[in-house]
Amino acid sequence: MGDKEIRVPDPVKVEVVDSLANNVSIVTYKEGRHVARAMVPSDRIEDGKTTRDVLEEGVTLWVPWATYFSSRINSGEIERAFQRAGIWTVGDLRERWKKAEAVLSRVFHRMLVEALNKASKDLEE
């Protein structure tokens, strides 16, 4: 019979962020265009590289936050909040810059709380 070709997995470059007890490391790595984070066995990292299998078997330590924010940012809501604060024109915005920052902070704070609650619910299931 013929020899079977043994396929060696392509190495994935990782950066060790932290080394924990019990042979565990927290690493970051590229996942498509994004940076991901996982806990993996330290002895499976060599010269700043590991394999995709090791990363997939590790514990994922990142949340795709864009999933929880992209549909929640509502420009109409920001416009109404600006109007309630008396910011109707470019001149108003220039004169009330600090107030506009406070308005945005309140709007985004609420959106942040909603995203956190949704992500917590999704990831705890």
Protein backbone atom coordinates (compact mmCIF):
# COMPACT_ATOMS: atom_id res chain seq x y z
CA MET A 1 0.00 0.00 0.00
CA GLY A 2 0.99 3.63 -0.41
CA ASP A 3 2.25 5.91 2.31
CA LYS A 4 -0.39 8.19 3.79
CA GLU A 5 0.51 11.83 3.70
CA ILE A 6 0.56 13.34 7.17
CA ARG A 7 -0.79 16.86 7.10
CA VAL A 8 0.85 19.24 9.55
CA PRO A 9 -1.55 21.99 10.64
CA ASP A 10 -0.61 25.51 9.68
CA PRO A 11 0.81 27.42 12.64
CA VAL A 12 -1.14 30.37 14.01
CA LYS A 13 0.83 33.26 15.47
CA VAL A 14 -0.23 34.06 19.04
CA GLU A 15 0.79 36.59 21.65
CA VAL A 16 0.89 35.35 25.22
CA VAL A 17 -0.92 37.97 27.31
CA ASP A 18 -0.67 36.16 30.63
CA SER A 19 0.64 32.87 31.99
CA LEU A 20 -1.55 31.30 34.64
CA ALA A 21 -1.09 28.37 36.97
CA ASN A 22 -1.61 24.78 35.82
CA ASN A 23 0.06 25.18 32.40
CA VAL A 24 -2.49 27.70 31.07
CA SER A 25 -1.80 30.79 28.98
CA ILE A 26 -4.08 33.56 27.80
CA VAL A 27 -3.27 34.37 24.17
CA THR A 28 -4.47 36.78 21.52
CA TYR A 29 -4.52 35.88 17.83
CA LYS A 30 -6.00 37.02 14.52
CA GLU A 31 -9.44 35.62 13.71
CA GLY A 32 -10.11 36.88 10.21
CA ARG A 33 -9.90 40.65 10.48
CA HIS A 34 -10.49 40.62 14.24
CA VAL A 35 -8.29 39.90 17.22
CA ALA A 36 -9.50 37.07 19.45
CA ARG A 37 -8.46 35.84 22.87
CA ALA A 38 -8.40 32.35 24.38
CA MET A 39 -7.01 30.26 27.24
CA VAL A 40 -4.86 27.40 25.96
CA PRO A 41 -2.32 24.94 27.36
CA SER A 42 1.05 26.69 27.65
CA ASP A 43 2.92 23.63 26.45
CA ARG A 44 1.04 23.78 23.13
CA ILE A 45 2.64 27.15 22.29
CA GLU A 46 6.04 27.09 20.65
CA ASP A 47 7.98 30.13 19.43
CA GLY A 48 4.85 32.31 19.62
CA LYS A 49 2.79 29.86 17.53
CA THR A 50 0.19 27.17 18.04
CA THR A 51 -2.37 25.42 15.84
CA ARG A 52 -5.96 26.29 14.99
CA ASP A 53 -7.04 23.04 16.73
CA VAL A 54 -5.46 24.16 20.00
CA LEU A 55 -7.21 27.55 19.76
CA GLU A 56 -10.56 25.91 18.98
CA GLU A 57 -10.17 23.52 21.92
CA GLY A 58 -9.24 26.38 24.25
CA VAL A 59 -11.65 28.57 26.18
CA THR A 60 -12.73 31.60 24.15
CA LEU A 61 -12.32 34.84 26.08
CA TRP A 62 -13.89 37.40 23.79
CA VAL A 63 -17.37 38.57 22.92
CA PRO A 64 -18.27 39.76 19.39
CA TRP A 65 -19.40 43.13 20.72
CA ALA A 66 -20.34 44.45 17.28
CA THR A 67 -23.19 41.94 17.32
CA TYR A 68 -24.67 43.62 20.37
CA PHE A 69 -24.15 47.24 19.31
CA SER A 70 -24.63 47.44 15.55
CA SER A 71 -28.41 47.22 15.69
CA ARG A 72 -28.76 49.35 18.81
CA ILE A 73 -27.22 52.64 17.70
CA ASN A 74 -30.11 54.81 16.69
CA SER A 75 -29.31 58.20 15.18
CA GLY A 76 -32.94 59.29 15.57
CA GLU A 77 -32.68 58.74 19.31
CA ILE A 78 -29.52 60.86 19.44
CA GLU A 79 -31.22 63.59 17.43
CA ARG A 80 -34.22 63.65 19.82
CA ALA A 81 -31.88 63.75 22.83
CA PHE A 82 -30.00 66.68 21.29
CA GLN A 83 -33.27 68.51 20.66
CA ARG A 84 -34.42 67.95 24.25
CA ALA A 85 -31.10 69.49 25.32
CA GLY A 86 -31.69 72.52 23.08
CA ILE A 87 -29.15 71.52 20.43
CA TRP A 88 -30.89 72.19 17.12
CA THR A 89 -28.23 73.89 14.99
CA VAL A 90 -24.48 73.84 14.36
CA GLY A 91 -24.28 77.03 16.42
CA ASP A 92 -26.13 75.32 19.29
CA LEU A 93 -23.68 72.45 19.15
CA ARG A 94 -20.71 74.81 19.22
CA GLU A 95 -22.18 76.71 22.19
CA ARG A 96 -23.29 73.62 24.08
CA TRP A 97 -20.44 71.23 23.35
CA LYS A 98 -20.12 69.96 26.93
CA LYS A 99 -23.89 69.45 27.10
CA ALA A 100 -23.74 67.46 23.83
CA GLU A 101 -21.02 65.23 25.31
CA ALA A 102 -23.22 64.63 28.37
CA VAL A 103 -26.19 63.77 26.13
CA LEU A 104 -24.11 61.27 24.15
CA SER A 105 -22.73 59.81 27.35
CA ARG A 106 -26.28 59.16 28.66
CA VAL A 107 -27.46 57.65 25.37
CA PHE A 108 -24.41 55.41 25.02
CA HIS A 109 -24.51 54.43 28.69
CA ARG A 110 -28.02 53.06 28.22
CA MET A 111 -26.96 51.27 25.02
CA LEU A 112 -23.94 49.81 26.83
CA VAL A 113 -26.14 48.47 29.63
CA GLU A 114 -28.53 46.93 27.06
CA ALA A 115 -25.64 45.31 25.18
CA LEU A 116 -24.17 43.93 28.40
CA ASN A 117 -27.52 42.47 29.47
CA LYS A 118 -28.12 40.88 26.06
CA ALA A 119 -24.59 39.44 25.81
CA SER A 120 -24.81 38.09 29.37
CA LYS A 121 -28.11 36.40 28.63
CA ASP A 122 -26.89 34.94 25.31
CA LEU A 123 -23.60 33.66 26.69
CA GLU A 124 -25.03 32.18 29.89
CA GLU A 125 -27.50 29.98 28.00
